[in-house]
Amino acid sequence: MVESHSPDPIMSDAIRNETQVGLAELKRRFSSAGLSIFKQQRNTGFQRSTYFAVGSAERQTDITISDTFLDDLPNTSEYQAKVDSYALAVAGRIKCGSPEVFYCRSGIAVGISIRWPIQVAPMGSGPAAFILMDVTNQIDGQIAKCSMRLGFSFNHTVFETLPETIYSVRLAIDAGLLRFFKADVRQEIYQ
């Protein structure tokens, strides 16, 4: 069963009908995979989106999905397959532990917590999008504040971005490119 906070009546008036239909479809697909929604929050900034905390009562992960994706979800079989694949992967991972813990080839286990929403920053050639994340070594609790610059390509959705981000972090760890710090050390620059 999907659990979620009721949207603020004022906010639901601001959500386009297409987005509301997409949200309902997303919730149905998450529920079919056995995922509950524990938190849902609208982001109305630069790119309108919805933040979700999903999983089980004991183990959760989060994701932000753009209104553009949600608008197209009910009528796009490719998007439906991406949601189903993601939901089944998260549902399977929560049975074994945190859905945010990943193992590197070097044997290091890390928790990768993405800081939603995706950030936009000025760059020399114009604005660029970045995913910010906290990468935590599961053995000693040390943290690496990291970022990944996103490229823009046709039909690139958050469901392609997530595995790409996780894979990039794992590769960087295996190559010895990330430096971890004690949790109380302030990291002003993202690696």
Protein backbone atom coordinates (compact mmCIF):
# COMPACT_ATOMS: atom_id res chain seq x y z
CA MET A 1 0.00 0.00 0.00
CA VAL A 2 1.29 3.45 -0.87
CA GLU A 3 1.52 5.85 2.01
CA SER A 4 1.99 9.52 1.32
CA HIS A 5 1.26 12.86 2.81
CA SER A 6 -1.74 14.53 1.26
CA PRO A 7 -0.67 17.37 -0.94
CA ASP A 8 -1.43 20.88 0.19
CA PRO A 9 -4.75 21.91 -1.46
CA ILE A 10 -3.16 25.11 -2.70
CA MET A 11 -0.27 23.18 -4.26
CA SER A 12 -2.50 20.62 -5.94
CA ASP A 13 -4.26 23.46 -7.77
CA ALA A 14 -0.87 24.49 -9.17
CA ILE A 15 -0.09 21.01 -10.48
CA ARG A 16 -1.11 20.55 -14.09
CA ASN A 17 -3.60 17.79 -14.86
CA GLU A 18 -1.01 15.86 -16.91
CA THR A 19 1.37 15.88 -13.95
CA GLN A 20 -1.34 14.69 -11.56
CA VAL A 21 -2.13 11.77 -13.86
CA GLY A 22 1.58 10.97 -14.09
CA LEU A 23 1.94 11.09 -10.29
CA ALA A 24 -0.95 8.65 -9.93
CA GLU A 25 0.65 6.30 -12.49
CA LEU A 26 4.02 6.51 -10.74
CA LYS A 27 2.45 5.71 -7.36
CA ARG A 28 0.59 2.76 -8.86
CA ARG A 29 3.79 1.36 -10.36
CA PHE A 30 5.76 1.84 -7.14
CA SER A 31 2.99 0.12 -5.18
CA SER A 32 2.93 -2.81 -7.64
CA ALA A 33 6.62 -3.38 -6.90
CA GLY A 34 5.98 -3.27 -3.15
CA LEU A 35 7.37 0.21 -2.54
CA SER A 36 5.70 2.67 -0.23
CA ILE A 37 6.04 6.44 -0.55
CA PHE A 38 7.00 7.92 2.80
CA LYS A 39 7.49 11.50 1.74
CA GLN A 40 6.42 13.50 -1.27
CA GLN A 41 7.30 17.14 -1.82
CA ARG A 42 6.86 19.47 -4.79
CA ASN A 43 9.85 21.40 -6.10
CA THR A 44 8.73 24.51 -7.93
CA GLY A 45 12.11 26.03 -8.73
CA PHE A 46 13.97 26.17 -12.04
CA GLN A 47 12.64 22.78 -13.16
CA ARG A 48 9.35 21.71 -11.64
CA SER A 49 9.59 18.25 -10.10
CA THR A 50 8.50 16.07 -7.21
CA TYR A 51 10.75 14.61 -4.52
CA PHE A 52 9.92 11.14 -3.19
CA ALA A 53 11.29 9.08 -0.30
CA VAL A 54 10.42 5.45 -1.16
CA GLY A 55 11.07 2.01 0.23
CA SER A 56 9.98 0.20 3.36
CA ALA A 57 9.52 1.42 6.92
CA GLU A 58 13.05 0.24 7.78
CA ARG A 59 14.92 1.16 4.57
CA GLN A 60 14.38 4.02 2.18
CA THR A 61 15.96 5.92 -0.67
CA ASP A 62 14.93 9.08 -2.44
CA ILE A 63 14.55 10.40 -5.95
CA THR A 64 13.34 13.57 -7.66
CA ILE A 65 11.35 13.17 -10.88
CA SER A 66 10.67 16.04 -13.28
CA ASP A 67 7.17 17.09 -14.28
CA THR A 68 8.18 16.54 -17.91
CA PHE A 69 8.81 12.86 -17.19
CA LEU A 70 5.63 12.53 -15.10
CA ASP A 71 3.53 14.21 -17.82
CA ASP A 72 4.67 11.62 -20.36
CA LEU A 73 4.67 8.56 -18.07
CA PRO A 74 1.05 7.38 -18.59
CA ASN A 75 1.42 7.20 -22.38
CA THR A 76 5.09 6.29 -22.86
CA SER A 77 5.88 2.58 -22.58
CA GLU A 78 9.63 3.30 -22.45
CA TYR A 79 9.14 5.51 -19.37
CA GLN A 80 6.86 2.92 -17.78
CA ALA A 81 9.56 0.27 -18.26
CA LYS A 82 12.16 2.58 -16.64
CA VAL A 83 9.95 3.18 -13.61
CA ASP A 84 9.18 -0.54 -13.29
CA SER A 85 12.87 -1.45 -13.54
CA TYR A 86 13.84 1.14 -10.91
CA ALA A 87 11.01 0.13 -8.56
CA LEU A 88 11.87 -3.58 -8.80
CA ALA A 89 15.58 -2.86 -8.24
CA VAL A 90 14.87 -0.76 -5.12
CA ALA A 91 12.34 -3.31 -3.82
CA GLY A 92 14.94 -6.07 -4.24
CA ARG A 93 17.73 -4.05 -2.64
CA ILE A 94 15.72 -3.17 0.47
CA LYS A 95 15.33 -6.87 1.21
CA CYS A 96 19.11 -7.14 1.64
CA GLY A 97 19.97 -3.85 3.32
CA SER A 98 20.02 -0.19 2.47
CA PRO A 99 19.15 0.53 -1.15
CA GLU A 100 21.83 3.24 -1.05
CA VAL A 101 24.80 0.95 -0.21
CA PHE A 102 26.97 -0.22 -3.10
CA TYR A 103 30.14 -2.30 -3.33
CA CYS A 104 33.17 -1.34 -5.37
CA ARG A 105 35.42 -3.82 -7.15
CA SER A 106 38.12 -2.92 -4.63
CA GLY A 107 35.88 -4.35 -1.88
CA ILE A 108 34.90 -1.01 -0.36
CA ALA A 109 31.24 -0.61 0.60
CA VAL A 110 29.86 2.92 0.32
CA GLY A 111 26.55 4.61 0.96
CA ILE A 112 25.68 7.06 -1.80
CA SER A 113 23.16 9.66 -0.75
CA ILE A 114 22.16 12.08 -3.50
CA ARG A 115 21.23 15.61 -2.49
CA TRP A 116 18.10 16.41 -4.46
CA PRO A 117 17.22 18.38 -6.51
CA ILE A 118 19.88 18.46 -9.21
CA GLN A 119 21.76 21.78 -9.00
CA VAL A 120 22.45 24.24 -11.80
CA ALA A 121 25.59 26.39 -11.69
CA PRO A 122 27.20 28.86 -14.09
CA MET A 123 30.15 27.52 -16.06
CA GLY A 124 32.41 29.14 -18.66
CA SER A 125 30.24 28.05 -21.58
CA GLY A 126 26.89 28.59 -19.83
CA PRO A 127 24.90 26.86 -17.12
CA ALA A 128 25.66 23.26 -16.18
CA ALA A 129 23.75 20.71 -14.09
CA PHE A 130 25.35 18.82 -11.22
CA ILE A 131 24.36 16.02 -8.91
CA LEU A 132 25.67 16.57 -5.40
CA MET A 133 26.09 13.58 -3.12
CA ASP A 134 27.52 12.37 0.15
CA VAL A 135 29.54 9.17 -0.20
CA THR A 136 30.02 7.38 3.12
CA ASN A 137 32.55 4.61 3.72
CA GLN A 138 30.51 1.91 5.45
CA ILE A 139 33.47 0.62 7.49
CA ASP A 140 34.67 3.78 9.22
CA GLY A 141 31.84 6.29 8.56
CA GLN A 142 34.12 8.75 6.79
CA ILE A 143 32.49 10.94 4.14
CA ALA A 144 33.46 12.31 0.74
CA LYS A 145 31.34 15.20 -0.57
CA CYS A 146 31.14 14.61 -4.32
CA SER A 147 29.58 16.07 -7.43
CA MET A 148 29.06 14.85 -10.95
CA ARG A 149 28.48 17.13 -13.91
CA LEU A 150 25.61 15.96 -16.06
CA GLY A 151 25.72 15.96 -19.80
CA PHE A 152 22.56 16.65 -21.72
CA SER A 153 21.38 14.10 -24.21
CA PHE A 154 18.12 13.30 -25.89
CA ASN A 155 15.78 11.16 -23.74
CA HIS A 156 18.16 11.18 -20.75
CA THR A 157 16.03 10.78 -17.61
CA VAL A 158 16.76 10.49 -13.90
CA PHE A 159 16.47 6.72 -14.34
CA GLU A 160 19.59 6.75 -16.55
CA THR A 161 21.32 9.38 -14.40
CA LEU A 162 21.15 7.36 -11.17
CA PRO A 163 23.06 4.28 -12.35
CA GLU A 164 25.53 6.48 -14.22
CA THR A 165 26.18 8.47 -11.03
CA ILE A 166 26.64 5.37 -8.88
CA TYR A 167 28.91 3.73 -11.44
CA SER A 168 31.05 6.88 -11.69
CA VAL A 169 31.48 7.03 -7.91
CA ARG A 170 32.46 3.36 -7.76
CA LEU A 171 35.01 3.83 -10.57
CA ALA A 172 36.48 6.89 -8.81
CA ILE A 173 36.86 4.95 -5.56
CA ASP A 174 38.50 1.98 -7.30
CA ALA A 175 40.91 4.39 -9.02
CA GLY A 176 41.78 6.02 -5.67
CA LEU A 177 40.42 9.40 -6.75
CA LEU A 178 38.15 10.07 -3.76
CA ARG A 179 39.38 11.25 -0.40
CA PHE A 180 37.25 10.49 2.64
CA PHE A 181 37.14 12.68 5.75
CA LYS A 182 35.84 12.25 9.29
CA ALA A 183 32.19 13.24 9.53
CA ASP A 184 32.96 16.36 11.58
CA VAL A 185 35.38 17.80 8.96
CA ARG A 186 33.78 20.57 6.91
CA GLN A 187 34.26 19.95 3.19
CA GLU A 188 33.76 23.16 1.24
CA ILE A 189 34.71 21.79 -2.16
CA TYR A 190 32.90 18.88 -3.74
CA GLN A 191 35.18 16.26 -5.28
